[in-house]
């Protein structure tokens, strides 16, 4: 059983670690409570675009090559991702290079460079990701199901963003968005592998994450329950196959309940021989 340690620093940053001295690897991520759920209509895509920009340079490492060379020399995996409720920047590296990669991670979080030419290039990349999302029937159906199930609730928003909004984002508006959400009270530092809790705290102190303060007052986040819309909905897309999605409204789940629900969904519709596949495909040939 893994042992976890957690600390809350004076500036509000949560530090959570799981030490494993039998591992040669250290994995560290910095996660922000940001993403499509918290975006206003005029911000849809800011979180995703900012995630891209975090990897493209800092004020002290002003190019993607400067950032990438640190990770390449360390033999590290460095990446970032955006979903509905979080933006995450993370690395995985051999124990001996954890310190230099931590310095890079802190630099990316504290001193992102919002270069206008790089921003325009990243908009092209994001638009292409949106097109690939729509071209894939399964992902498209997943996205459209969210819109139907959650209606005008923020949970219905695509983490990739809205193309018209992405096109309108400037370096100034992206910097303002960053300053409103990317701060210590709105973040958690997670570490696992061959590194102790004390070492992570020391690295946080050395590389200024422990003294990181908000640029302005933290944004107030509003929460409300979505209005579930029951029914049967159809979307036509090119192709010979039919994708079928079942969405069920569930009450708030404990960890145990969510694991039970995962077992049920796996039995119904995951893998090569679930109940629905046997009935719909193998027995009826649909």
C-alpha atoms as a PDB file:
ATOM      1  CA  UNK A   1       0.000   0.000   0.000  1.00  0.00           C
ATOM      2  CA  UNK A   2       1.405   3.387  -1.011  1.00  0.00           C
ATOM      3  CA  UNK A   3       1.938   6.021   1.656  1.00  0.00           C
ATOM      4  CA  UNK A   4       1.052   9.593   0.734  1.00  0.00           C
ATOM      5  CA  UNK A   5       2.162  12.793   2.412  1.00  0.00           C
ATOM      6  CA  UNK A   6       0.521  16.164   1.993  1.00  0.00           C
ATOM      7  CA  UNK A   7       1.498  19.683   2.995  1.00  0.00           C
ATOM      8  CA  UNK A   8      -0.167  23.024   2.460  1.00  0.00           C
ATOM      9  CA  UNK A   9       2.399  25.798   2.050  1.00  0.00           C
ATOM     10  CA  UNK A  10       1.843  29.274   3.452  1.00  0.00           C
ATOM     11  CA  UNK A  11       1.086  30.648  -0.025  1.00  0.00           C
ATOM     12  CA  UNK A  12      -1.681  28.053  -0.498  1.00  0.00           C
ATOM     13  CA  UNK A  13       0.149  25.565  -2.733  1.00  0.00           C
ATOM     14  CA  UNK A  14      -0.738  21.922  -1.974  1.00  0.00           C
ATOM     15  CA  UNK A  15       2.199  19.494  -2.113  1.00  0.00           C
ATOM     16  CA  UNK A  16       1.320  15.778  -2.313  1.00  0.00           C
ATOM     17  CA  UNK A  17       3.947  13.045  -2.605  1.00  0.00           C
ATOM     18  CA  UNK A  18       4.189   9.260  -2.784  1.00  0.00           C
ATOM     19  CA  UNK A  19       7.743   8.084  -2.230  1.00  0.00           C
ATOM     20  CA  UNK A  20       9.018   4.816  -3.734  1.00  0.00           C
ATOM     21  CA  UNK A  21      12.716   4.166  -3.138  1.00  0.00           C
ATOM     22  CA  UNK A  22      12.580   1.024  -5.281  1.00  0.00           C
ATOM     23  CA  UNK A  23      11.980   3.137  -8.373  1.00  0.00           C
ATOM     24  CA  UNK A  24      14.652   4.797 -10.487  1.00  0.00           C
ATOM     25  CA  UNK A  25      12.151   7.324 -11.808  1.00  0.00           C
ATOM     26  CA  UNK A  26      10.675  10.564 -10.505  1.00  0.00           C
ATOM     27  CA  UNK A  27       7.350  11.866 -11.809  1.00  0.00           C
ATOM     28  CA  UNK A  28       6.263  15.388 -10.898  1.00  0.00           C
ATOM     29  CA  UNK A  29       3.291  17.381 -12.115  1.00  0.00           C
ATOM     30  CA  UNK A  30       1.947  20.832 -11.393  1.00  0.00           C
ATOM     31  CA  UNK A  31      -1.835  20.922 -11.745  1.00  0.00           C
ATOM     32  CA  UNK A  32      -4.029  23.990 -11.875  1.00  0.00           C
ATOM     33  CA  UNK A  33      -7.740  24.210 -11.191  1.00  0.00           C
ATOM     34  CA  UNK A  34      -8.469  25.544 -14.659  1.00  0.00           C
ATOM     35  CA  UNK A  35      -9.984  24.256 -17.868  1.00  0.00           C
ATOM     36  CA  UNK A  36     -13.185  24.414 -19.872  1.00  0.00           C
ATOM     37  CA  UNK A  37     -15.461  24.160 -16.811  1.00  0.00           C
ATOM     38  CA  UNK A  38     -14.179  27.507 -15.519  1.00  0.00           C
ATOM     39  CA  UNK A  39     -14.051  29.423 -18.801  1.00  0.00           C
ATOM     40  CA  UNK A  40     -16.479  32.212 -19.610  1.00  0.00           C
ATOM     41  CA  UNK A  41     -17.959  32.275 -23.147  1.00  0.00           C
ATOM     42  CA  UNK A  42     -15.251  34.777 -24.147  1.00  0.00           C
ATOM     43  CA  UNK A  43     -12.483  32.513 -22.795  1.00  0.00           C
ATOM     44  CA  UNK A  44     -13.350  29.164 -24.366  1.00  0.00           C
ATOM     45  CA  UNK A  45      -9.998  27.770 -25.418  1.00  0.00           C
ATOM     46  CA  UNK A  46      -7.792  29.956 -23.214  1.00  0.00           C
ATOM     47  CA  UNK A  47      -6.831  27.068 -20.919  1.00  0.00           C
ATOM     48  CA  UNK A  48      -5.918  24.798 -23.831  1.00  0.00           C
ATOM     49  CA  UNK A  49      -3.983  27.508 -25.656  1.00  0.00           C
ATOM     50  CA  UNK A  50      -2.158  28.486 -22.465  1.00  0.00           C
ATOM     51  CA  UNK A  51      -1.193  24.835 -21.931  1.00  0.00           C
ATOM     52  CA  UNK A  52       0.486  24.920 -25.351  1.00  0.00           C
ATOM     53  CA  UNK A  53       2.264  28.193 -24.588  1.00  0.00           C
ATOM     54  CA  UNK A  54       3.689  26.939 -21.279  1.00  0.00           C
ATOM     55  CA  UNK A  55       5.859  24.542 -23.302  1.00  0.00           C
ATOM     56  CA  UNK A  56       7.010  27.172 -25.793  1.00  0.00           C
ATOM     57  CA  UNK A  57       9.362  29.318 -23.771  1.00  0.00           C
ATOM     58  CA  UNK A  58       9.922  31.342 -20.614  1.00  0.00           C
ATOM     59  CA  UNK A  59      11.422  34.753 -19.958  1.00  0.00           C
ATOM     60  CA  UNK A  60      14.719  33.022 -19.108  1.00  0.00           C
ATOM     61  CA  UNK A  61      14.437  30.296 -21.773  1.00  0.00           C
ATOM     62  CA  UNK A  62      12.818  32.261 -24.604  1.00  0.00           C
ATOM     63  CA  UNK A  63      12.317  29.511 -27.179  1.00  0.00           C
ATOM     64  CA  UNK A  64      10.914  26.013 -27.449  1.00  0.00           C
ATOM     65  CA  UNK A  65      14.463  24.836 -28.223  1.00  0.00           C
ATOM     66  CA  UNK A  66      15.720  26.292 -24.930  1.00  0.00           C
ATOM     67  CA  UNK A  67      12.996  24.464 -23.032  1.00  0.00           C
ATOM     68  CA  UNK A  68      13.349  21.240 -24.996  1.00  0.00           C
ATOM     69  CA  UNK A  69      17.128  21.074 -24.679  1.00  0.00           C
ATOM     70  CA  UNK A  70      16.884  20.855 -20.875  1.00  0.00           C
ATOM     71  CA  UNK A  71      14.474  17.920 -21.131  1.00  0.00           C
ATOM     72  CA  UNK A  72      16.505  16.259 -23.922  1.00  0.00           C
ATOM     73  CA  UNK A  73      19.785  16.437 -21.995  1.00  0.00           C
ATOM     74  CA  UNK A  74      18.072  14.908 -18.964  1.00  0.00           C
ATOM     75  CA  UNK A  75      16.371  12.204 -21.040  1.00  0.00           C
ATOM     76  CA  UNK A  76      13.041  13.358 -19.611  1.00  0.00           C
ATOM     77  CA  UNK A  77       9.459  13.155 -20.745  1.00  0.00           C
ATOM     78  CA  UNK A  78       8.010  16.673 -20.593  1.00  0.00           C
ATOM     79  CA  UNK A  79       4.439  17.437 -21.578  1.00  0.00           C
ATOM     80  CA  UNK A  80       1.202  19.177 -20.643  1.00  0.00           C
ATOM     81  CA  UNK A  81      -2.518  18.528 -20.998  1.00  0.00           C
ATOM     82  CA  UNK A  82      -5.865  20.223 -20.548  1.00  0.00           C
ATOM     83  CA  UNK A  83      -9.188  18.706 -19.600  1.00  0.00           C
ATOM     84  CA  UNK A  84     -12.486  19.911 -18.221  1.00  0.00           C
ATOM     85  CA  UNK A  85     -11.252  20.891 -14.764  1.00  0.00           C
ATOM     86  CA  UNK A  86      -7.445  20.905 -14.805  1.00  0.00           C
ATOM     87  CA  UNK A  87      -4.419  22.076 -16.723  1.00  0.00           C
ATOM     88  CA  UNK A  88      -1.358  19.966 -15.971  1.00  0.00           C
ATOM     89  CA  UNK A  89       2.342  20.346 -16.760  1.00  0.00           C
ATOM     90  CA  UNK A  90       4.424  17.304 -15.905  1.00  0.00           C
ATOM     91  CA  UNK A  91       7.715  15.501 -16.341  1.00  0.00           C
ATOM     92  CA  UNK A  92       9.132  12.029 -15.763  1.00  0.00           C
ATOM     93  CA  UNK A  93      12.876  11.581 -15.438  1.00  0.00           C
ATOM     94  CA  UNK A  94      15.621   9.466 -13.886  1.00  0.00           C
ATOM     95  CA  UNK A  95      16.261  10.245 -10.240  1.00  0.00           C
ATOM     96  CA  UNK A  96      19.589  12.001 -10.875  1.00  0.00           C
ATOM     97  CA  UNK A  97      18.013  14.679 -13.093  1.00  0.00           C
ATOM     98  CA  UNK A  98      14.966  15.491 -10.964  1.00  0.00           C
ATOM     99  CA  UNK A  99      16.436  18.752  -9.663  1.00  0.00           C
ATOM    100  CA  UNK A 100      17.121  20.333 -13.061  1.00  0.00           C
ATOM    101  CA  UNK A 101      13.722  19.267 -14.390  1.00  0.00           C
ATOM    102  CA  UNK A 102      12.018  20.708 -11.296  1.00  0.00           C
ATOM    103  CA  UNK A 103      13.784  24.016 -11.962  1.00  0.00           C
ATOM    104  CA  UNK A 104      12.456  23.968 -15.529  1.00  0.00           C
ATOM    105  CA  UNK A 105       8.919  23.154 -14.360  1.00  0.00           C
ATOM    106  CA  UNK A 106       8.954  26.040 -11.891  1.00  0.00           C
ATOM    107  CA  UNK A 107      10.300  28.401 -14.553  1.00  0.00           C
ATOM    108  CA  UNK A 108       7.503  27.398 -16.953  1.00  0.00           C
ATOM    109  CA  UNK A 109       4.847  28.001 -14.301  1.00  0.00           C
ATOM    110  CA  UNK A 110       6.226  31.267 -12.930  1.00  0.00           C
ATOM    111  CA  UNK A 111       7.658  32.958 -16.038  1.00  0.00           C
ATOM    112  CA  UNK A 112       5.802  31.910 -19.210  1.00  0.00           C
ATOM    113  CA  UNK A 113       6.701  33.884 -22.312  1.00  0.00           C
ATOM    114  CA  UNK A 114       3.691  35.085 -24.300  1.00  0.00           C
ATOM    115  CA  UNK A 115       5.363  35.654 -27.651  1.00  0.00           C
ATOM    116  CA  UNK A 116       2.841  36.880 -30.231  1.00  0.00           C
ATOM    117  CA  UNK A 117       4.405  35.038 -33.202  1.00  0.00           C
ATOM    118  CA  UNK A 118       4.504  31.758 -31.264  1.00  0.00           C
ATOM    119  CA  UNK A 119       0.906  32.323 -30.163  1.00  0.00           C
ATOM    120  CA  UNK A 120      -0.266  32.638 -33.775  1.00  0.00           C
ATOM    121  CA  UNK A 121       1.498  29.381 -34.669  1.00  0.00           C
ATOM    122  CA  UNK A 122      -0.079  27.591 -31.716  1.00  0.00           C
ATOM    123  CA  UNK A 123      -3.526  28.769 -32.785  1.00  0.00           C
ATOM    124  CA  UNK A 124      -2.966  26.840 -36.029  1.00  0.00           C
ATOM    125  CA  UNK A 125      -2.034  23.739 -34.055  1.00  0.00           C
ATOM    126  CA  UNK A 126      -5.128  24.050 -31.846  1.00  0.00           C
ATOM    127  CA  UNK A 127      -7.402  24.516 -34.863  1.00  0.00           C
ATOM    128  CA  UNK A 128      -5.968  21.359 -36.400  1.00  0.00           C
ATOM    129  CA  UNK A 129      -6.606  19.463 -33.143  1.00  0.00           C
ATOM    130  CA  UNK A 130     -10.225  20.642 -33.293  1.00  0.00           C
ATOM    131  CA  UNK A 131     -10.586  19.360 -36.871  1.00  0.00           C
ATOM    132  CA  UNK A 132      -9.101  15.991 -35.952  1.00  0.00           C
ATOM    133  CA  UNK A 133     -11.537  15.800 -33.032  1.00  0.00           C
ATOM    134  CA  UNK A 134     -14.491  16.352 -35.373  1.00  0.00           C
ATOM    135  CA  UNK A 135     -13.148  13.943 -37.989  1.00  0.00           C
ATOM    136  CA  UNK A 136     -13.047  11.123 -35.425  1.00  0.00           C
ATOM    137  CA  UNK A 137     -16.625   9.881 -35.040  1.00  0.00           C
ATOM    138  CA  UNK A 138     -16.086   8.467 -31.569  1.00  0.00           C
ATOM    139  CA  UNK A 139     -14.546  11.625 -30.107  1.00  0.00           C
ATOM    140  CA  UNK A 140     -17.098  13.792 -31.894  1.00  0.00           C
ATOM    141  CA  UNK A 141     -19.962  11.777 -30.448  1.00  0.00           C
ATOM    142  CA  UNK A 142     -18.400  12.054 -26.995  1.00  0.00           C
ATOM    143  CA  UNK A 143     -18.247  15.830 -27.390  1.00  0.00           C
ATOM    144  CA  UNK A 144     -21.790  16.128 -28.697  1.00  0.00           C
ATOM    145  CA  UNK A 145     -23.076  13.869 -25.909  1.00  0.00           C
ATOM    146  CA  UNK A 146     -21.618  16.284 -23.343  1.00  0.00           C
ATOM    147  CA  UNK A 147     -23.494  19.142 -24.984  1.00  0.00           C
ATOM    148  CA  UNK A 148     -26.778  17.221 -24.935  1.00  0.00           C
ATOM    149  CA  UNK A 149     -26.425  15.863 -21.409  1.00  0.00           C
ATOM    150  CA  UNK A 150     -25.220  19.068 -19.742  1.00  0.00           C
ATOM    151  CA  UNK A 151     -26.962  21.682 -21.905  1.00  0.00           C
ATOM    152  CA  UNK A 152     -25.654  25.194 -21.189  1.00  0.00           C
ATOM    153  CA  UNK A 153     -23.722  24.052 -18.110  1.00  0.00           C
ATOM    154  CA  UNK A 154     -19.934  24.671 -18.307  1.00  0.00           C
ATOM    155  CA  UNK A 155     -19.346  20.904 -18.175  1.00  0.00           C
ATOM    156  CA  UNK A 156     -20.695  20.759 -21.730  1.00  0.00           C
ATOM    157  CA  UNK A 157     -17.788  22.820 -23.067  1.00  0.00           C
ATOM    158  CA  UNK A 158     -15.097  21.139 -25.144  1.00  0.00           C
ATOM    159  CA  UNK A 159     -11.672  21.389 -23.438  1.00  0.00           C
ATOM    160  CA  UNK A 160     -10.160  22.095 -26.880  1.00  0.00           C
ATOM    161  CA  UNK A 161     -12.055  25.363 -26.975  1.00  0.00           C
ATOM    162  CA  UNK A 162     -14.174  27.294 -29.440  1.00  0.00           C
ATOM    163  CA  UNK A 163     -12.474  28.097 -32.761  1.00  0.00           C
ATOM    164  CA  UNK A 164     -13.821  31.654 -33.055  1.00  0.00           C
ATOM    165  CA  UNK A 165     -12.688  32.465 -29.521  1.00  0.00           C
ATOM    166  CA  UNK A 166      -9.267  30.890 -30.059  1.00  0.00           C
ATOM    167  CA  UNK A 167      -8.805  33.023 -33.178  1.00  0.00           C
ATOM    168  CA  UNK A 168      -9.526  36.174 -31.152  1.00  0.00           C
ATOM    169  CA  UNK A 169      -7.133  35.477 -28.253  1.00  0.00           C
ATOM    170  CA  UNK A 170      -4.241  37.934 -27.947  1.00  0.00           C
ATOM    171  CA  UNK A 171      -1.090  37.833 -25.840  1.00  0.00           C
ATOM    172  CA  UNK A 172      -2.673  40.408 -23.533  1.00  0.00           C
ATOM    173  CA  UNK A 173      -5.908  38.461 -23.016  1.00  0.00           C
ATOM    174  CA  UNK A 174      -3.990  35.213 -22.506  1.00  0.00           C
ATOM    175  CA  UNK A 175      -1.700  36.854 -19.959  1.00  0.00           C
ATOM    176  CA  UNK A 176      -4.745  38.207 -18.121  1.00  0.00           C
ATOM    177  CA  UNK A 177      -6.287  34.730 -18.086  1.00  0.00           C
ATOM    178  CA  UNK A 178      -3.021  33.257 -16.765  1.00  0.00           C
ATOM    179  CA  UNK A 179      -2.847  35.828 -13.977  1.00  0.00           C
ATOM    180  CA  UNK A 180      -6.443  35.153 -12.916  1.00  0.00           C
ATOM    181  CA  UNK A 181      -6.071  31.378 -12.451  1.00  0.00           C
ATOM    182  CA  UNK A 182      -2.429  30.291 -12.418  1.00  0.00           C
ATOM    183  CA  UNK A 183      -1.280  30.880  -8.859  1.00  0.00           C
ATOM    184  CA  UNK A 184      -0.274  28.845  -5.817  1.00  0.00           C
ATOM    185  CA  UNK A 185      -3.697  28.798  -4.073  1.00  0.00           C
ATOM    186  CA  UNK A 186      -5.186  27.372  -7.265  1.00  0.00           C
ATOM    187  CA  UNK A 187      -2.547  24.683  -7.812  1.00  0.00           C
ATOM    188  CA  UNK A 188      -1.228  21.374  -6.508  1.00  0.00           C
ATOM    189  CA  UNK A 189       2.271  19.963  -6.856  1.00  0.00           C
ATOM    190  CA  UNK A 190       2.234  16.153  -7.146  1.00  0.00           C
ATOM    191  CA  UNK A 191       5.332  13.942  -6.937  1.00  0.00           C
ATOM    192  CA  UNK A 192       5.787  10.178  -7.085  1.00  0.00           C
ATOM    193  CA  UNK A 193       8.761   7.841  -7.272  1.00  0.00           C
ATOM    194  CA  UNK A 194      12.264   8.045  -5.886  1.00  0.00           C
ATOM    195  CA  UNK A 195      11.945  11.385  -4.127  1.00  0.00           C
ATOM    196  CA  UNK A 196      10.963  12.225  -0.552  1.00  0.00           C
ATOM    197  CA  UNK A 197       8.407  14.703   0.655  1.00  0.00           C
ATOM    198  CA  UNK A 198      11.165  16.749   2.280  1.00  0.00           C
ATOM    199  CA  UNK A 199      13.096  16.893  -1.002  1.00  0.00           C
ATOM    200  CA  UNK A 200      10.054  18.179  -2.876  1.00  0.00           C
ATOM    201  CA  UNK A 201       9.484  20.849  -0.241  1.00  0.00           C
ATOM    202  CA  UNK A 202      13.150  21.873  -0.469  1.00  0.00           C
ATOM    203  CA  UNK A 203      12.967  22.117  -4.266  1.00  0.00           C
ATOM    204  CA  UNK A 204       9.789  24.192  -3.967  1.00  0.00           C
ATOM    205  CA  UNK A 205      11.631  26.585  -1.650  1.00  0.00           C
ATOM    206  CA  UNK A 206      14.768  26.746  -3.802  1.00  0.00           C
ATOM    207  CA  UNK A 207      12.884  27.439  -7.038  1.00  0.00           C
ATOM    208  CA  UNK A 208      10.409  29.960  -5.589  1.00  0.00           C
ATOM    209  CA  UNK A 209       7.195  27.930  -5.786  1.00  0.00           C
ATOM    210  CA  UNK A 210       6.800  28.283  -2.023  1.00  0.00           C
ATOM    211  CA  UNK A 211       6.932  32.105  -2.303  1.00  0.00           C
ATOM    212  CA  UNK A 212       4.713  32.268  -5.385  1.00  0.00           C
ATOM    213  CA  UNK A 213       1.894  34.732  -4.786  1.00  0.00           C
ATOM    214  CA  UNK A 214      -1.183  35.563  -6.871  1.00  0.00           C
ATOM    215  CA  UNK A 215      -0.874  38.303  -9.489  1.00  0.00           C
ATOM    216  CA  UNK A 216      -4.285  39.554  -8.427  1.00  0.00           C
ATOM    217  CA  UNK A 217      -7.254  38.450  -6.357  1.00  0.00           C
ATOM    218  CA  UNK A 218      -8.195  34.818  -7.057  1.00  0.00           C
ATOM    219  CA  UNK A 219     -11.135  34.444  -9.413  1.00  0.00           C
ATOM    220  CA  UNK A 220     -14.391  33.397  -7.775  1.00  0.00           C
ATOM    221  CA  UNK A 221     -15.632  30.115  -9.235  1.00  0.00           C
ATOM    222  CA  UNK A 222     -19.316  29.341  -9.321  1.00  0.00           C
ATOM    223  CA  UNK A 223     -20.744  25.836  -9.127  1.00  0.00           C
ATOM    224  CA  UNK A 224     -24.244  24.640  -9.862  1.00  0.00           C
ATOM    225  CA  UNK A 225     -25.867  21.372 -10.784  1.00  0.00           C
ATOM    226  CA  UNK A 226     -26.446  20.770 -14.493  1.00  0.00           C
ATOM    227  CA  UNK A 227     -29.982  20.168 -15.688  1.00  0.00           C
ATOM    228  CA  UNK A 228     -29.894  16.660 -17.127  1.00  0.00           C
ATOM    229  CA  UNK A 229     -31.739  16.244 -20.455  1.00  0.00           C
ATOM    230  CA  UNK A 230     -33.087  12.695 -20.909  1.00  0.00           C
ATOM    231  CA  UNK A 231     -33.988  11.463 -24.367  1.00  0.00           C
ATOM    232  CA  UNK A 232     -32.714   9.818 -27.548  1.00  0.00           C
ATOM    233  CA  UNK A 233     -30.583  11.899 -29.908  1.00  0.00           C
ATOM    234  CA  UNK A 234     -29.116  11.200 -33.348  1.00  0.00           C
ATOM    235  CA  UNK A 235     -26.224  12.791 -35.224  1.00  0.00           C
ATOM    236  CA  UNK A 236     -25.399  11.887 -38.824  1.00  0.00           C
ATOM    237  CA  UNK A 237     -21.751  11.682 -39.889  1.00  0.00           C
ATOM    238  CA  UNK A 238     -20.130  10.127 -42.974  1.00  0.00           C
ATOM    239  CA  UNK A 239     -19.198   6.440 -42.678  1.00  0.00           C
ATOM    240  CA  UNK A 240     -20.625   2.947 -42.584  1.00  0.00           C
ATOM    241  CA  UNK A 241     -20.475   2.287 -38.841  1.00  0.00           C
ATOM    242  CA  UNK A 242     -22.841   3.400 -36.108  1.00  0.00           C
ATOM    243  CA  UNK A 243     -21.519   4.623 -32.763  1.00  0.00           C
ATOM    244  CA  UNK A 244     -23.835   4.121 -29.785  1.00  0.00           C
ATOM    245  CA  UNK A 245     -23.503   6.113 -26.562  1.00  0.00           C
ATOM    246  CA  UNK A 246     -25.448   5.508 -23.349  1.00  0.00           C
ATOM    247  CA  UNK A 247     -25.313   8.291 -20.747  1.00  0.00           C
ATOM    248  CA  UNK A 248     -26.684   7.798 -17.245  1.00  0.00           C
ATOM    249  CA  UNK A 249     -27.194  10.381 -14.528  1.00  0.00           C
ATOM    250  CA  UNK A 250     -25.521   9.229 -11.287  1.00  0.00           C
ATOM    251  CA  UNK A 251     -25.539  10.734  -7.810  1.00  0.00           C
ATOM    252  CA  UNK A 252     -22.316  11.968  -6.271  1.00  0.00           C
ATOM    253  CA  UNK A 253     -20.092   8.921  -5.909  1.00  0.00           C
ATOM    254  CA  UNK A 254     -17.608   7.852  -3.286  1.00  0.00           C
ATOM    255  CA  UNK A 255     -14.360   6.303  -4.517  1.00  0.00           C
ATOM    256  CA  UNK A 256     -15.731   2.826  -3.737  1.00  0.00           C
ATOM    257  CA  UNK A 257     -18.958   3.520  -5.639  1.00  0.00           C
ATOM    258  CA  UNK A 258     -17.097   4.893  -8.652  1.00  0.00           C
ATOM    259  CA  UNK A 259     -14.941   1.757  -8.813  1.00  0.00           C
ATOM    260  CA  UNK A 260     -18.064  -0.434  -8.689  1.00  0.00           C
ATOM    261  CA  UNK A 261     -19.606   1.633 -11.482  1.00  0.00           C
ATOM    262  CA  UNK A 262     -16.422   1.196 -13.538  1.00  0.00           C
ATOM    263  CA  UNK A 263     -16.710  -2.585 -13.173  1.00  0.00           C
ATOM    264  CA  UNK A 264     -20.325  -2.441 -14.315  1.00  0.00           C
ATOM    265  CA  UNK A 265     -19.528  -0.318 -17.375  1.00  0.00           C
ATOM    266  CA  UNK A 266     -16.614  -2.599 -18.284  1.00  0.00           C
ATOM    267  CA  UNK A 267     -18.892  -5.641 -18.103  1.00  0.00           C
ATOM    268  CA  UNK A 268     -21.447  -3.919 -20.306  1.00  0.00           C
ATOM    269  CA  UNK A 269     -19.376  -2.307 -22.994  1.00  0.00           C
ATOM    270  CA  UNK A 270     -15.580  -2.592 -22.713  1.00  0.00           C
ATOM    271  CA  UNK A 271     -13.272  -5.030 -24.472  1.00  0.00           C
ATOM    272  CA  UNK A 272     -13.925  -7.730 -27.071  1.00  0.00           C
ATOM    273  CA  UNK A 273     -16.620  -9.729 -25.313  1.00  0.00           C
ATOM    274  CA  UNK A 274     -18.875  -7.450 -23.209  1.00  0.00           C
ATOM    275  CA  UNK A 275     -22.589  -7.985 -22.835  1.00  0.00           C
ATOM    276  CA  UNK A 276     -23.659  -5.337 -25.343  1.00  0.00           C
ATOM    277  CA  UNK A 277     -21.154  -6.423 -27.976  1.00  0.00           C
ATOM    278  CA  UNK A 278     -22.241 -10.057 -27.699  1.00  0.00           C
ATOM    279  CA  UNK A 279     -25.883  -9.111 -28.088  1.00  0.00           C
ATOM    280  CA  UNK A 280     -25.671  -6.396 -30.744  1.00  0.00           C
ATOM    281  CA  UNK A 281     -22.804  -7.588 -32.907  1.00  0.00           C
ATOM    282  CA  UNK A 282     -22.227 -11.303 -32.475  1.00  0.00           C
ATOM    283  CA  UNK A 283     -25.851 -12.456 -32.082  1.00  0.00           C
ATOM    284  CA  UNK A 284     -27.752  -9.980 -34.247  1.00  0.00           C
ATOM    285  CA  UNK A 285     -24.967  -8.937 -36.642  1.00  0.00           C
ATOM    286  CA  UNK A 286     -25.601  -5.213 -36.218  1.00  0.00           C
END
